[in-house]
């Protein structure tokens, strides 16, 4: 991972990668980013040392539940939040 030379503790540079279905609002993404940083900070990882990569895919691009397209499966939760 690229590490900025301005980091005070480069050994704590952390990349969080999240794969998920598309459909979340920008506000939901902001809450997710904030929660991730809030949970990592008590572990000693400085807030400004965390980078988050959210990769969104359409549900028809995921094969789940024995080879079905995720768009054809009742996931039990709302992706559009």
C-alpha atoms as a PDB file:
ATOM      1  CA  UNK A   1       0.000   0.000   0.000  1.00  0.00           C
ATOM      2  CA  UNK A   2       1.198   3.492  -0.780  1.00  0.00           C
ATOM      3  CA  UNK A   3       2.024   5.317   2.412  1.00  0.00           C
ATOM      4  CA  UNK A   4       2.162   9.100   2.525  1.00  0.00           C
ATOM      5  CA  UNK A   5       5.486  10.432   3.790  1.00  0.00           C
ATOM      6  CA  UNK A   6       3.530  12.804   6.053  1.00  0.00           C
ATOM      7  CA  UNK A   7       2.189  10.017   8.280  1.00  0.00           C
ATOM      8  CA  UNK A   8       3.539  10.209  11.807  1.00  0.00           C
ATOM      9  CA  UNK A   9       3.407   6.428  12.269  1.00  0.00           C
ATOM     10  CA  UNK A  10       3.649   4.863   8.796  1.00  0.00           C
ATOM     11  CA  UNK A  11       3.705   1.359  10.277  1.00  0.00           C
ATOM     12  CA  UNK A  12       0.026   1.920  11.194  1.00  0.00           C
ATOM     13  CA  UNK A  13      -1.106   2.805   7.668  1.00  0.00           C
ATOM     14  CA  UNK A  14      -4.251   0.742   7.150  1.00  0.00           C
ATOM     15  CA  UNK A  15      -6.311   0.030   4.042  1.00  0.00           C
ATOM     16  CA  UNK A  16      -9.840  -1.258   4.587  1.00  0.00           C
ATOM     17  CA  UNK A  17     -11.477  -2.811   1.501  1.00  0.00           C
ATOM     18  CA  UNK A  18     -15.239  -3.359   1.498  1.00  0.00           C
ATOM     19  CA  UNK A  19     -17.071  -5.262  -1.255  1.00  0.00           C
ATOM     20  CA  UNK A  20     -20.816  -4.696  -1.257  1.00  0.00           C
ATOM     21  CA  UNK A  21     -23.936  -4.370  -3.351  1.00  0.00           C
ATOM     22  CA  UNK A  22     -24.524  -0.973  -4.934  1.00  0.00           C
ATOM     23  CA  UNK A  23     -27.410   1.082  -3.619  1.00  0.00           C
ATOM     24  CA  UNK A  24     -26.251   2.916  -0.511  1.00  0.00           C
ATOM     25  CA  UNK A  25     -26.671   6.664  -0.307  1.00  0.00           C
ATOM     26  CA  UNK A  26     -23.699   8.960   0.109  1.00  0.00           C
ATOM     27  CA  UNK A  27     -24.871   9.639   3.672  1.00  0.00           C
ATOM     28  CA  UNK A  28     -24.895   5.893   4.470  1.00  0.00           C
ATOM     29  CA  UNK A  29     -21.359   5.638   3.079  1.00  0.00           C
ATOM     30  CA  UNK A  30     -20.234   8.573   5.207  1.00  0.00           C
ATOM     31  CA  UNK A  31     -21.617   6.842   8.313  1.00  0.00           C
ATOM     32  CA  UNK A  32     -19.837   3.616   7.333  1.00  0.00           C
ATOM     33  CA  UNK A  33     -16.489   5.382   6.867  1.00  0.00           C
ATOM     34  CA  UNK A  34     -16.854   7.168  10.192  1.00  0.00           C
ATOM     35  CA  UNK A  35     -17.802   3.967  12.033  1.00  0.00           C
ATOM     36  CA  UNK A  36     -14.825   2.076  10.603  1.00  0.00           C
ATOM     37  CA  UNK A  37     -12.422   4.799  11.740  1.00  0.00           C
ATOM     38  CA  UNK A  38     -14.132   4.993  15.155  1.00  0.00           C
ATOM     39  CA  UNK A  39     -13.682   1.227  15.636  1.00  0.00           C
ATOM     40  CA  UNK A  40     -10.014   1.182  14.558  1.00  0.00           C
ATOM     41  CA  UNK A  41      -8.857   4.186  16.580  1.00  0.00           C
ATOM     42  CA  UNK A  42      -9.046   2.384  19.984  1.00  0.00           C
ATOM     43  CA  UNK A  43      -6.673  -0.223  18.503  1.00  0.00           C
ATOM     44  CA  UNK A  44      -4.030   2.478  18.177  1.00  0.00           C
ATOM     45  CA  UNK A  45      -4.477   3.232  14.495  1.00  0.00           C
ATOM     46  CA  UNK A  46      -4.478   7.013  13.980  1.00  0.00           C
ATOM     47  CA  UNK A  47      -7.588   8.286  12.209  1.00  0.00           C
ATOM     48  CA  UNK A  48      -5.568   9.946   9.467  1.00  0.00           C
ATOM     49  CA  UNK A  49      -3.712   6.683   8.741  1.00  0.00           C
ATOM     50  CA  UNK A  50      -6.844   4.850   7.540  1.00  0.00           C
ATOM     51  CA  UNK A  51      -7.902   4.645   3.893  1.00  0.00           C
ATOM     52  CA  UNK A  52     -11.170   2.963   2.935  1.00  0.00           C
ATOM     53  CA  UNK A  53     -11.965   1.547  -0.501  1.00  0.00           C
ATOM     54  CA  UNK A  54     -15.652   0.778  -1.006  1.00  0.00           C
ATOM     55  CA  UNK A  55     -16.205  -1.376  -4.100  1.00  0.00           C
ATOM     56  CA  UNK A  56     -19.831  -1.557  -5.138  1.00  0.00           C
ATOM     57  CA  UNK A  57     -21.258  -4.060  -7.600  1.00  0.00           C
ATOM     58  CA  UNK A  58     -24.748  -4.467  -8.977  1.00  0.00           C
ATOM     59  CA  UNK A  59     -26.587  -7.380  -7.382  1.00  0.00           C
ATOM     60  CA  UNK A  60     -26.806  -9.157 -10.750  1.00  0.00           C
ATOM     61  CA  UNK A  61     -22.997  -9.308 -10.686  1.00  0.00           C
ATOM     62  CA  UNK A  62     -22.911 -11.488  -7.545  1.00  0.00           C
ATOM     63  CA  UNK A  63     -23.561 -15.231  -7.609  1.00  0.00           C
ATOM     64  CA  UNK A  64     -24.917 -16.449  -4.246  1.00  0.00           C
ATOM     65  CA  UNK A  65     -27.140 -19.127  -2.699  1.00  0.00           C
ATOM     66  CA  UNK A  66     -26.093 -22.028  -4.875  1.00  0.00           C
ATOM     67  CA  UNK A  67     -25.351 -20.113  -8.065  1.00  0.00           C
ATOM     68  CA  UNK A  68     -28.261 -17.686  -8.226  1.00  0.00           C
ATOM     69  CA  UNK A  69     -27.877 -14.042  -9.146  1.00  0.00           C
ATOM     70  CA  UNK A  70     -28.228 -11.981  -5.976  1.00  0.00           C
ATOM     71  CA  UNK A  71     -30.910  -9.864  -7.671  1.00  0.00           C
ATOM     72  CA  UNK A  72     -33.096 -13.009  -7.786  1.00  0.00           C
ATOM     73  CA  UNK A  73     -32.691 -13.821  -4.069  1.00  0.00           C
ATOM     74  CA  UNK A  74     -34.509 -12.258  -1.124  1.00  0.00           C
ATOM     75  CA  UNK A  75     -31.544 -11.005   0.861  1.00  0.00           C
ATOM     76  CA  UNK A  76     -33.609 -10.203   3.926  1.00  0.00           C
ATOM     77  CA  UNK A  77     -32.409  -6.592   4.052  1.00  0.00           C
ATOM     78  CA  UNK A  78     -32.735  -3.401   2.041  1.00  0.00           C
ATOM     79  CA  UNK A  79     -29.631  -2.476   0.049  1.00  0.00           C
ATOM     80  CA  UNK A  80     -30.994   0.955  -0.888  1.00  0.00           C
ATOM     81  CA  UNK A  81     -30.328   2.863   2.315  1.00  0.00           C
END
